[in-house]
Structures are given as C-alpha cells and as structure tokens.
Amino acid sequence: MKNKIHHAWFILISCCIIMISGIGILATCAGVFYKPISSEFNVGIGSVSFYVTIKSLVIMLMLPLAAKIFKKYNMKIILTTAFIVSSTGFACLSFSKAVVHLYIIGAITGVSASFIILLPVPILINRWFAKRSGTMLGIALAFSGVGGAVFVPLASKLVQTFGWRSAQLTMGLIAGA
C-alpha cells in the first residue's frame, strides 16, 4: 500500500483540467468566432466581442459572492454545475440569431464562470499542497495556456471546415466533457 498515489495529485490533475477547459476553451477560443459571427449578423467585431465584456463584468461582480458560496457549500457540486452552465452556454451561442442573444448568454455564463475562472484552483491547491503550493499552482495555471495552444487552432480549423455554428457547438461540448 506504500505505492498508492496520494489524492492530492488527482486534485492537481483536476485543477489542470479546470484550467484547460475553463480558460483554454471557454475563454481563449471566443475570439475565433468574432469575425464569422460579425459577418453573419452584419455587425462590427466590437459588437460581437462586447459579449465577453458583459461576461467579464458579471464575473467581476459575482466573485465576492462566489467566494462566500465556496466556503459554505460543496465545491464539487458547485464546480460541476458551473461547468455545465458555462459549457452549455458556450455551445448555445451557436443557436444565436442576433447579437443581443450573445449578450444574454454572456451574462448567464458570466455568473457560472465566476465559479470556474479565478477561485477554485488556488483554493484547491492550497488545501491539498501545504508544501510547494506555489509550484503546484503555477503548474495548474500553465494549463490554461496549454488549452489555448491546443484548442484555438482546433476551433479555427472547425470554423473553416464546418462553419462557426458547428464549431461553437463542438467546442462547447468538448469543454463540457
């Protein structure tokens, strides 16, 4: 039994996956879709990208509440729910018919993203790694870049091959998985 892997390493792997999906897909890939959406909706790229501004403002406003909720309730349930809402919202962007739909989805996913993007990884790393927490946090956070490096080119290829709606839906499903 001495060769058993400590549970903390599974926490680190989970944190890396949170960063790949939460930042690497749901945040970093958004820019891939701006131009095709703006072309289809016949609006400027700034109008399309404004949904990320709305999402970011909602995240900023929700972070204090999210921190309180993390202290009070089961983190596993909160993270699962937040990822379901965020990835579903990202996928639902593919069904948008007007730019206002992007704004509404941006606000909704901003609420759920407040539980994914900034808080859970440092909390989990600090709970499970008394020593080397800074190193482990750095490793986990680096995976947001890994996610972007892998999934932005994939999303671009999907847009070129299948169109932005199919690509958006696919990326939302990947993030949810």
N, C-alpha and C. Protein backbone atom coordinates (compact mmCIF):
# COMPACT_ATOMS: atom_id res chain seq x y z
N MET A 1 0.82 -1.21 0.00
CA MET A 1 0.00 0.00 0.00
C MET A 1 0.85 1.27 0.00
N LYS A 2 2.16 1.15 0.21
CA LYS A 2 3.01 2.34 0.22
C LYS A 2 3.11 2.99 -1.16
N ASN A 3 2.85 2.24 -2.22
CA ASN A 3 2.95 2.78 -3.57
C ASN A 3 1.69 3.49 -4.04
N LYS A 4 0.72 3.62 -3.18
CA LYS A 4 -0.54 4.26 -3.53
C LYS A 4 -0.31 5.76 -3.81
N ILE A 5 -0.92 6.24 -4.88
CA ILE A 5 -0.79 7.65 -5.26
C ILE A 5 -1.66 8.49 -4.34
N HIS A 6 -1.06 9.55 -3.80
CA HIS A 6 -1.78 10.44 -2.88
C HIS A 6 -2.88 11.19 -3.63
N HIS A 7 -4.00 11.39 -2.98
CA HIS A 7 -5.18 12.05 -3.54
C HIS A 7 -4.86 13.46 -4.04
N ALA A 8 -3.89 14.11 -3.45
CA ALA A 8 -3.54 15.48 -3.85
C ALA A 8 -3.13 15.55 -5.32
N TRP A 9 -2.51 14.51 -5.84
CA TRP A 9 -2.09 14.51 -7.24
C TRP A 9 -3.30 14.48 -8.18
N PHE A 10 -4.34 13.82 -7.76
CA PHE A 10 -5.58 13.83 -8.56
C PHE A 10 -6.23 15.21 -8.52
N ILE A 11 -6.08 15.89 -7.40
CA ILE A 11 -6.57 17.27 -7.29
C ILE A 11 -5.81 18.16 -8.26
N LEU A 12 -4.49 17.99 -8.34
CA LEU A 12 -3.68 18.78 -9.27
C LEU A 12 -4.12 18.52 -10.71
N ILE A 13 -4.33 17.26 -11.05
CA ILE A 13 -4.79 16.92 -12.41
C ILE A 13 -6.15 17.56 -12.67
N SER A 14 -7.04 17.52 -11.70
CA SER A 14 -8.36 18.16 -11.85
C SER A 14 -8.22 19.66 -12.06
N CYS A 15 -7.31 20.28 -11.33
CA CYS A 15 -7.09 21.72 -11.48
C CYS A 15 -6.56 22.04 -12.88
N CYS A 16 -5.69 21.18 -13.40
CA CYS A 16 -5.18 21.37 -14.76
C CYS A 16 -6.32 21.28 -15.78
N ILE A 17 -7.22 20.34 -15.57
CA ILE A 17 -8.37 20.19 -16.47
C ILE A 17 -9.30 21.39 -16.37
N ILE A 18 -9.49 21.91 -15.16
CA ILE A 18 -10.30 23.11 -14.98
C ILE A 18 -9.70 24.26 -15.79
N MET A 19 -8.39 24.40 -15.75
CA MET A 19 -7.73 25.49 -16.48
C MET A 19 -7.80 25.28 -17.99
N ILE A 20 -7.62 24.04 -18.44
CA ILE A 20 -7.71 23.75 -19.88
C ILE A 20 -9.09 24.11 -20.39
N SER A 21 -10.11 23.65 -19.70
CA SER A 21 -11.48 23.85 -20.17
C SER A 21 -11.98 25.26 -19.87
N GLY A 22 -11.83 25.70 -18.62
CA GLY A 22 -12.38 26.99 -18.20
C GLY A 22 -11.75 28.18 -18.87
N ILE A 23 -10.45 28.15 -19.03
CA ILE A 23 -9.76 29.27 -19.68
C ILE A 23 -9.39 28.91 -21.11
N GLY A 24 -8.74 27.76 -21.29
CA GLY A 24 -8.23 27.36 -22.60
C GLY A 24 -9.30 27.22 -23.67
N ILE A 25 -10.48 26.79 -23.29
CA ILE A 25 -11.56 26.65 -24.28
C ILE A 25 -12.58 27.78 -24.13
N LEU A 26 -13.20 27.86 -22.97
CA LEU A 26 -14.35 28.77 -22.80
C LEU A 26 -13.98 30.24 -22.88
N ALA A 27 -12.75 30.58 -22.54
CA ALA A 27 -12.35 32.00 -22.62
C ALA A 27 -11.50 32.28 -23.85
N THR A 28 -10.45 31.50 -24.05
CA THR A 28 -9.48 31.81 -25.11
C THR A 28 -10.03 31.60 -26.51
N CYS A 29 -10.89 30.63 -26.69
CA CYS A 29 -11.42 30.34 -28.04
C CYS A 29 -12.47 31.33 -28.51
N ALA A 30 -12.97 32.17 -27.64
CA ALA A 30 -14.05 33.08 -28.02
C ALA A 30 -13.68 33.95 -29.22
N GLY A 31 -12.45 34.42 -29.27
CA GLY A 31 -12.02 35.30 -30.35
C GLY A 31 -12.07 34.68 -31.73
N VAL A 32 -11.97 33.37 -31.80
CA VAL A 32 -12.01 32.67 -33.08
C VAL A 32 -13.35 32.90 -33.79
N PHE A 33 -14.38 33.14 -33.02
CA PHE A 33 -15.73 33.23 -33.57
C PHE A 33 -16.18 34.65 -33.90
N TYR A 34 -15.43 35.65 -33.49
CA TYR A 34 -15.84 37.04 -33.68
C TYR A 34 -16.10 37.39 -35.15
N LYS A 35 -15.14 37.11 -36.00
CA LYS A 35 -15.26 37.52 -37.40
C LYS A 35 -16.41 36.81 -38.11
N PRO A 36 -16.52 35.47 -38.01
CA PRO A 36 -17.65 34.86 -38.72
C PRO A 36 -19.02 35.27 -38.19
N ILE A 37 -19.11 35.49 -36.87
CA ILE A 37 -20.38 35.94 -36.30
C ILE A 37 -20.70 37.36 -36.79
N SER A 38 -19.70 38.23 -36.76
CA SER A 38 -19.94 39.62 -37.19
C SER A 38 -20.34 39.67 -38.66
N SER A 39 -19.74 38.80 -39.47
CA SER A 39 -20.12 38.75 -40.89
C SER A 39 -21.56 38.28 -41.06
N GLU A 40 -21.93 37.22 -40.35
CA GLU A 40 -23.29 36.69 -40.49
C GLU A 40 -24.35 37.66 -39.95
N PHE A 41 -24.05 38.30 -38.82
CA PHE A 41 -25.03 39.20 -38.20
C PHE A 41 -24.95 40.61 -38.78
N ASN A 42 -23.96 40.85 -39.65
CA ASN A 42 -23.76 42.14 -40.29
C ASN A 42 -23.58 43.26 -39.26
N VAL A 43 -22.72 43.00 -38.27
CA VAL A 43 -22.35 43.99 -37.25
C VAL A 43 -20.83 44.00 -37.13
N GLY A 44 -20.33 44.99 -36.45
CA GLY A 44 -18.88 45.07 -36.27
C GLY A 44 -18.37 44.03 -35.28
N ILE A 45 -17.09 43.75 -35.37
CA ILE A 45 -16.47 42.78 -34.46
C ILE A 45 -16.58 43.27 -33.02
N GLY A 46 -16.52 44.59 -32.81
CA GLY A 46 -16.68 45.15 -31.47
C GLY A 46 -18.03 44.83 -30.87
N SER A 47 -19.06 44.83 -31.69
CA SER A 47 -20.39 44.47 -31.20
C SER A 47 -20.46 43.02 -30.77
N VAL A 48 -19.77 42.16 -31.50
CA VAL A 48 -19.75 40.74 -31.16
C VAL A 48 -18.90 40.53 -29.90
N SER A 49 -17.73 41.12 -29.86
CA SER A 49 -16.83 40.89 -28.72
C SER A 49 -17.36 41.53 -27.43
N PHE A 50 -18.34 42.40 -27.54
CA PHE A 50 -18.92 43.03 -26.35
C PHE A 50 -19.54 42.00 -25.41
N TYR A 51 -19.92 40.84 -25.94
CA TYR A 51 -20.49 39.81 -25.07
C TYR A 51 -19.45 39.34 -24.06
N VAL A 52 -18.18 39.36 -24.44
CA VAL A 52 -17.11 38.98 -23.49
C VAL A 52 -16.95 40.07 -22.43
N THR A 53 -17.15 41.31 -22.82
CA THR A 53 -17.11 42.41 -21.85
C THR A 53 -18.22 42.24 -20.82
N ILE A 54 -19.40 41.93 -21.30
CA ILE A 54 -20.53 41.69 -20.39
C ILE A 54 -20.22 40.52 -19.46
N LYS A 55 -19.72 39.44 -20.03
CA LYS A 55 -19.37 38.26 -19.25
C LYS A 55 -18.33 38.62 -18.19
N SER A 56 -17.31 39.38 -18.57
CA SER A 56 -16.25 39.78 -17.63
C SER A 56 -16.78 40.67 -16.51
N LEU A 57 -17.67 41.59 -16.83
CA LEU A 57 -18.27 42.45 -15.80
C LEU A 57 -19.09 41.63 -14.81
N VAL A 58 -19.85 40.67 -15.32
CA VAL A 58 -20.65 39.81 -14.44
C VAL A 58 -19.72 38.98 -13.55
N ILE A 59 -18.64 38.46 -14.13
CA ILE A 59 -17.67 37.70 -13.32
C ILE A 59 -17.15 38.57 -12.18
N MET A 60 -16.74 39.79 -12.52
CA MET A 60 -16.20 40.71 -11.52
C MET A 60 -17.21 40.97 -10.40
N LEU A 61 -18.45 41.18 -10.76
CA LEU A 61 -19.48 41.44 -9.76
C LEU A 61 -19.81 40.21 -8.93
N MET A 62 -19.70 39.03 -9.51
CA MET A 62 -20.07 37.79 -8.84
C MET A 62 -18.97 37.19 -7.97
N LEU A 63 -17.72 37.56 -8.19
CA LEU A 63 -16.61 36.91 -7.47
C LEU A 63 -16.74 36.96 -5.95
N PRO A 64 -17.11 38.09 -5.34
CA PRO A 64 -17.26 38.07 -3.88
C PRO A 64 -18.33 37.07 -3.41
N LEU A 65 -19.43 37.01 -4.12
CA LEU A 65 -20.48 36.06 -3.77
C LEU A 65 -20.01 34.62 -4.00
N ALA A 66 -19.31 34.39 -5.10
CA ALA A 66 -18.80 33.05 -5.40
C ALA A 66 -17.86 32.57 -4.29
N ALA A 67 -17.01 33.45 -3.79
CA ALA A 67 -16.09 33.08 -2.71
C ALA A 67 -16.86 32.66 -1.45
N LYS A 68 -17.92 33.39 -1.14
CA LYS A 68 -18.75 33.04 0.02
C LYS A 68 -19.45 31.70 -0.19
N ILE A 69 -19.92 31.47 -1.40
CA ILE A 69 -20.61 30.21 -1.70
C ILE A 69 -19.65 29.03 -1.62
N PHE A 70 -18.41 29.23 -2.09
CA PHE A 70 -17.41 28.16 -1.99
C PHE A 70 -17.14 27.76 -0.54
N LYS A 71 -17.16 28.75 0.35
CA LYS A 71 -16.92 28.46 1.77
C LYS A 71 -18.07 27.69 2.41
N LYS A 72 -19.27 27.92 1.90
CA LYS A 72 -20.46 27.40 2.55
C LYS A 72 -20.96 26.06 1.99
N TYR A 73 -20.73 25.81 0.68
CA TYR A 73 -21.32 24.65 0.03
C TYR A 73 -20.26 23.73 -0.57
N ASN A 74 -20.68 22.57 -1.01
CA ASN A 74 -19.81 21.55 -1.57
C ASN A 74 -19.20 22.04 -2.90
N MET A 75 -17.88 22.14 -2.94
CA MET A 75 -17.19 22.66 -4.10
C MET A 75 -17.39 21.78 -5.34
N LYS A 76 -17.47 20.48 -5.14
CA LYS A 76 -17.65 19.56 -6.27
C LYS A 76 -18.98 19.83 -6.98
N ILE A 77 -20.02 20.03 -6.22
CA ILE A 77 -21.35 20.31 -6.80
C ILE A 77 -21.35 21.67 -7.48
N ILE A 78 -20.73 22.65 -6.85
CA ILE A 78 -20.68 23.99 -7.43
C ILE A 78 -19.92 23.97 -8.76
N LEU A 79 -18.76 23.34 -8.77
CA LEU A 79 -17.95 23.30 -9.99
C LEU A 79 -18.65 22.53 -11.10
N THR A 80 -19.27 21.43 -10.76
CA THR A 80 -19.99 20.65 -11.77
C THR A 80 -21.11 21.47 -12.38
N THR A 81 -21.88 22.12 -11.54
CA THR A 81 -22.98 22.96 -12.03
C THR A 81 -22.45 24.12 -12.88
N ALA A 82 -21.39 24.77 -12.41
CA ALA A 82 -20.83 25.90 -13.14
C ALA A 82 -20.30 25.48 -14.51
N PHE A 83 -19.64 24.33 -14.58
CA PHE A 83 -19.15 23.85 -15.87
C PHE A 83 -20.28 23.47 -16.81
N ILE A 84 -21.33 22.89 -16.28
CA ILE A 84 -22.48 22.54 -17.12
C ILE A 84 -23.09 23.81 -17.71
N VAL A 85 -23.29 24.83 -16.87
CA VAL A 85 -23.89 26.08 -17.35
C VAL A 85 -22.95 26.79 -18.34
N SER A 86 -21.67 26.86 -18.02
CA SER A 86 -20.72 27.57 -18.90
C SER A 86 -20.55 26.87 -20.24
N SER A 87 -20.35 25.57 -20.23
CA SER A 87 -20.14 24.86 -21.49
C SER A 87 -21.43 24.81 -22.32
N THR A 88 -22.57 24.67 -21.65
CA THR A 88 -23.85 24.70 -22.36
C THR A 88 -24.08 26.09 -22.96
N GLY A 89 -23.78 27.13 -22.20
CA GLY A 89 -23.92 28.49 -22.72
C GLY A 89 -23.01 28.74 -23.91
N PHE A 90 -21.76 28.26 -23.84
CA PHE A 90 -20.82 28.41 -24.95
C PHE A 90 -21.37 27.70 -26.19
N ALA A 91 -21.90 26.49 -25.99
CA ALA A 91 -22.49 25.74 -27.10
C ALA A 91 -23.74 26.45 -27.63
N CYS A 92 -24.53 27.02 -26.74
CA CYS A 92 -25.78 27.69 -27.14
C CYS A 92 -25.53 28.95 -27.96
N LEU A 93 -24.33 29.50 -27.89
CA LEU A 93 -24.01 30.64 -28.75
C LEU A 93 -24.21 30.27 -30.22
N SER A 94 -24.07 28.99 -30.53
CA SER A 94 -24.23 28.54 -31.91
C SER A 94 -25.66 28.69 -32.42
N PHE A 95 -26.62 28.85 -31.52
CA PHE A 95 -28.01 29.00 -31.92
C PHE A 95 -28.46 30.46 -31.97
N SER A 96 -27.55 31.37 -31.70
CA SER A 96 -27.87 32.80 -31.68
C SER A 96 -28.32 33.27 -33.06
N LYS A 97 -29.33 34.12 -33.05
CA LYS A 97 -29.85 34.71 -34.29
C LYS A 97 -29.58 36.21 -34.36
N ALA A 98 -29.17 36.80 -33.23
CA ALA A 98 -28.88 38.23 -33.18
C ALA A 98 -27.83 38.47 -32.11
N VAL A 99 -27.18 39.59 -32.20
CA VAL A 99 -26.10 39.91 -31.27
C VAL A 99 -26.61 40.02 -29.83
N VAL A 100 -27.85 40.41 -29.64
CA VAL A 100 -28.41 40.50 -28.29
C VAL A 100 -28.42 39.13 -27.61
N HIS A 101 -28.57 38.07 -28.38
CA HIS A 101 -28.52 36.73 -27.80
C HIS A 101 -27.14 36.45 -27.21
N LEU A 102 -26.10 36.95 -27.86
CA LEU A 102 -24.74 36.80 -27.33
C LEU A 102 -24.63 37.49 -25.98
N TYR A 103 -25.22 38.67 -25.88
CA TYR A 103 -25.15 39.44 -24.63
C TYR A 103 -25.86 38.71 -23.49
N ILE A 104 -26.99 38.15 -23.78
CA ILE A 104 -27.75 37.43 -22.74
C ILE A 104 -26.97 36.20 -22.29
N ILE A 105 -26.46 35.45 -23.25
CA ILE A 105 -25.66 34.26 -22.90
C ILE A 105 -24.38 34.67 -22.17
N GLY A 106 -23.79 35.78 -22.58
CA GLY A 106 -22.60 36.28 -21.89
C GLY A 106 -22.86 36.58 -20.42
N ALA A 107 -24.01 37.17 -20.13
CA ALA A 107 -24.37 37.47 -18.74
C ALA A 107 -24.60 36.19 -17.94
N ILE A 108 -25.29 35.24 -18.54
CA ILE A 108 -25.56 33.97 -17.85
C ILE A 108 -24.27 33.20 -17.59
N THR A 109 -23.45 33.10 -18.63
CA THR A 109 -22.19 32.35 -18.45
C THR A 109 -21.20 33.12 -17.58
N GLY A 110 -21.37 34.41 -17.47
CA GLY A 110 -20.53 35.18 -16.55
C GLY A 110 -20.77 34.77 -15.11
N VAL A 111 -22.02 34.50 -14.77
CA VAL A 111 -22.34 34.03 -13.42
C VAL A 111 -21.64 32.70 -13.17
N SER A 112 -21.79 31.75 -14.08
CA SER A 112 -21.18 30.44 -13.87
C SER A 112 -19.66 30.50 -13.95
N ALA A 113 -19.13 31.33 -14.83
CA ALA A 113 -17.67 31.45 -14.97
C ALA A 113 -17.02 32.02 -13.71
N SER A 114 -17.77 32.78 -12.94
CA SER A 114 -17.20 33.33 -11.70
C SER A 114 -16.81 32.22 -10.73
N PHE A 115 -17.41 31.05 -10.90
CA PHE A 115 -17.08 29.91 -10.06
C PHE A 115 -15.97 29.04 -10.66
N ILE A 116 -15.57 29.32 -11.89
CA ILE A 116 -14.59 28.48 -12.58
C ILE A 116 -13.24 29.16 -12.73
N ILE A 117 -13.24 30.40 -13.16
CA ILE A 117 -12.02 31.01 -13.70
C ILE A 117 -10.97 31.37 -12.64
N LEU A 118 -11.30 32.07 -11.61
CA LEU A 118 -10.28 32.59 -10.70
C LEU A 118 -10.19 31.89 -9.35
N LEU A 119 -11.26 31.39 -8.84
CA LEU A 119 -11.27 30.94 -7.45
C LEU A 119 -10.91 29.48 -7.18
N PRO A 120 -11.45 28.51 -7.89
CA PRO A 120 -11.32 27.13 -7.42
C PRO A 120 -9.90 26.58 -7.42
N VAL A 121 -9.12 26.90 -8.41
CA VAL A 121 -7.77 26.30 -8.50
C VAL A 121 -6.89 26.74 -7.33
N PRO A 122 -6.76 28.03 -7.02
CA PRO A 122 -5.95 28.39 -5.85
C PRO A 122 -6.49 27.80 -4.54
N ILE A 123 -7.81 27.75 -4.40
CA ILE A 123 -8.40 27.18 -3.19
C ILE A 123 -8.03 25.71 -3.06
N LEU A 124 -8.21 24.96 -4.13
CA LEU A 124 -7.92 23.52 -4.09
C LEU A 124 -6.44 23.24 -3.89
N ILE A 125 -5.60 23.96 -4.59
CA ILE A 125 -4.15 23.75 -4.46
C ILE A 125 -3.70 24.05 -3.03
N ASN A 126 -4.18 25.14 -2.46
CA ASN A 126 -3.78 25.49 -1.09
C ASN A 126 -4.31 24.52 -0.05
N ARG A 127 -5.45 23.90 -0.33
CA ARG A 127 -5.99 22.90 0.60
C ARG A 127 -5.18 21.61 0.59
N TRP A 128 -4.66 21.24 -0.58
CA TRP A 128 -4.06 19.92 -0.73
C TRP A 128 -2.54 19.91 -0.78
N PHE A 129 -1.92 21.06 -0.96
CA PHE A 129 -0.46 21.12 -1.03
C PHE A 129 0.06 22.13 -0.01
N ALA A 130 0.41 21.64 1.17
CA ALA A 130 0.95 22.52 2.20
C ALA A 130 2.34 23.01 1.79
N LYS A 131 3.12 22.10 1.24
CA LYS A 131 4.44 22.45 0.71
C LYS A 131 4.32 22.55 -0.80
N ARG A 132 5.09 23.41 -1.39
CA ARG A 132 5.15 23.58 -2.84
C ARG A 132 3.82 24.02 -3.46
N SER A 133 2.98 24.71 -2.69
CA SER A 133 1.70 25.15 -3.25
C SER A 133 1.90 26.14 -4.40
N GLY A 134 2.90 26.98 -4.30
CA GLY A 134 3.17 27.94 -5.38
C GLY A 134 3.56 27.24 -6.68
N THR A 135 4.40 26.22 -6.55
CA THR A 135 4.81 25.45 -7.73
C THR A 135 3.62 24.72 -8.35
N MET A 136 2.83 24.10 -7.50
CA MET A 136 1.67 23.36 -7.99
C MET A 136 0.64 24.30 -8.62
N LEU A 137 0.48 25.47 -8.04
CA LEU A 137 -0.43 26.46 -8.61
C LEU A 137 0.08 26.92 -9.98
N GLY A 138 1.37 27.13 -10.08
CA GLY A 138 1.97 27.51 -11.36
C GLY A 138 1.77 26.45 -12.42
N ILE A 139 1.93 25.19 -12.04
CA ILE A 139 1.71 24.09 -12.98
C ILE A 139 0.26 24.09 -13.45
N ALA A 140 -0.66 24.18 -12.51
CA ALA A 140 -2.09 24.15 -12.87
C ALA A 140 -2.45 25.33 -13.77
N LEU A 141 -2.00 26.51 -13.42
CA LEU A 141 -2.34 27.71 -14.20
C LEU A 141 -1.72 27.67 -15.59
N ALA A 142 -0.57 27.02 -15.73
CA ALA A 142 0.07 26.91 -17.04
C ALA A 142 -0.81 26.15 -18.03
N PHE A 143 -1.67 25.31 -17.52
CA PHE A 143 -2.52 24.53 -18.41
C PHE A 143 -3.59 25.37 -19.10
N SER A 144 -3.83 26.59 -18.64
CA SER A 144 -4.73 27.47 -19.39
C SER A 144 -4.08 27.81 -20.73
N GLY A 145 -2.77 28.00 -20.72
CA GLY A 145 -2.03 28.24 -21.97
C GLY A 145 -1.97 27.02 -22.85
N VAL A 146 -1.82 25.86 -22.23
CA VAL A 146 -1.82 24.61 -22.98
C VAL A 146 -3.17 24.44 -23.67
N GLY A 147 -4.24 24.69 -22.93
CA GLY A 147 -5.58 24.58 -23.51
C GLY A 147 -5.76 25.52 -24.69
N GLY A 148 -5.30 26.76 -24.54
CA GLY A 148 -5.40 27.72 -25.64
C GLY A 148 -4.57 27.29 -26.84
N ALA A 149 -3.36 26.79 -26.57
CA ALA A 149 -2.48 26.37 -27.66
C ALA A 149 -3.04 25.19 -28.44
N VAL A 150 -3.78 24.34 -27.78
CA VAL A 150 -4.37 23.17 -28.44
C VAL A 150 -5.71 23.51 -29.07
N PHE A 151 -6.57 24.20 -28.33
CA PHE A 151 -7.95 24.34 -28.77
C PHE A 151 -8.23 25.54 -29.67
N VAL A 152 -7.43 26.59 -29.62
CA VAL A 152 -7.66 27.71 -30.55
C VAL A 152 -7.41 27.27 -32.00
N PRO A 153 -6.30 26.58 -32.28
CA PRO A 153 -6.15 26.10 -33.67
C PRO A 153 -7.24 25.09 -34.07
N LEU A 154 -7.65 24.25 -33.13
CA LEU A 154 -8.72 23.30 -33.41
C LEU A 154 -10.02 24.03 -33.74
N ALA A 155 -10.36 25.03 -32.92
CA ALA A 155 -11.57 25.80 -33.16
C ALA A 155 -11.49 26.52 -34.52
N SER A 156 -10.33 27.07 -34.84
CA SER A 156 -10.16 27.75 -36.13
C SER A 156 -10.36 26.78 -37.29
N LYS A 157 -9.81 25.60 -37.16
CA LYS A 157 -9.96 24.59 -38.21
C LYS A 157 -11.43 24.16 -38.34
N LEU A 158 -12.10 24.00 -37.22
CA LEU A 158 -13.52 23.63 -37.25
C LEU A 158 -14.35 24.73 -37.91
N VAL A 159 -14.05 25.99 -37.62
CA VAL A 159 -14.77 27.11 -38.25
C VAL A 159 -14.56 27.07 -39.76
N GLN A 160 -13.32 26.88 -40.19
CA GLN A 160 -13.02 26.84 -41.63
C GLN A 160 -13.70 25.66 -42.32
N THR A 161 -13.76 24.54 -41.63
CA THR A 161 -14.28 23.32 -42.24
C THR A 161 -15.80 23.21 -42.17
N PHE A 162 -16.37 23.54 -41.01
CA PHE A 162 -17.79 23.28 -40.79
C PHE A 162 -18.63 24.53 -40.55
N GLY A 163 -18.00 25.68 -40.44
CA GLY A 163 -18.73 26.91 -40.13
C GLY A 163 -18.70 27.20 -38.63
N TRP A 164 -18.98 28.46 -38.30
CA TRP A 164 -18.84 28.87 -36.91
C TRP A 164 -19.86 28.22 -35.98
N ARG A 165 -21.07 27.98 -36.46
CA ARG A 165 -22.10 27.42 -35.59
C ARG A 165 -21.75 26.00 -35.15
N SER A 166 -21.34 25.16 -36.08
CA SER A 166 -20.94 23.79 -35.73
C SER A 166 -19.70 23.79 -34.86
N ALA A 167 -18.76 24.68 -35.17
CA ALA A 167 -17.54 24.77 -34.38
C ALA A 167 -17.83 25.22 -32.95
N GLN A 168 -18.71 26.20 -32.81
CA GLN A 168 -19.08 26.72 -31.49
C GLN A 168 -19.74 25.61 -30.66
N LEU A 169 -20.66 24.90 -31.26
CA LEU A 169 -21.33 23.80 -30.59
C LEU A 169 -20.33 22.71 -30.18
N THR A 170 -19.44 22.37 -31.08
CA THR A 170 -18.43 21.34 -30.81
C THR A 170 -17.52 21.75 -29.65
N MET A 171 -17.06 22.98 -29.66
CA MET A 171 -16.15 23.43 -28.61
C MET A 171 -16.87 23.47 -27.26
N GLY A 172 -18.14 23.83 -27.26
CA GLY A 172 -18.92 23.81 -26.02
C GLY A 172 -19.05 22.38 -25.48
N LEU A 173 -19.27 21.43 -26.39
CA LEU A 173 -19.37 20.03 -25.97
C LEU A 173 -18.04 19.50 -25.44
N ILE A 174 -16.94 19.88 -26.09
CA ILE A 174 -15.62 19.46 -25.62
C ILE A 174 -15.36 20.02 -24.23
N ALA A 175 -15.67 21.30 -24.03
CA ALA A 175 -15.47 21.91 -22.71
C ALA A 175 -16.32 21.22 -21.66
N GLY A 176 -17.53 20.87 -22.02
CA GLY A 176 -18.41 20.18 -21.08
C GLY A 176 -17.94 18.78 -20.74
N ALA A 177 -17.33 18.14 -21.70
CA ALA A 177 -16.82 16.77 -21.45
C ALA A 177 -15.69 16.82 -20.46
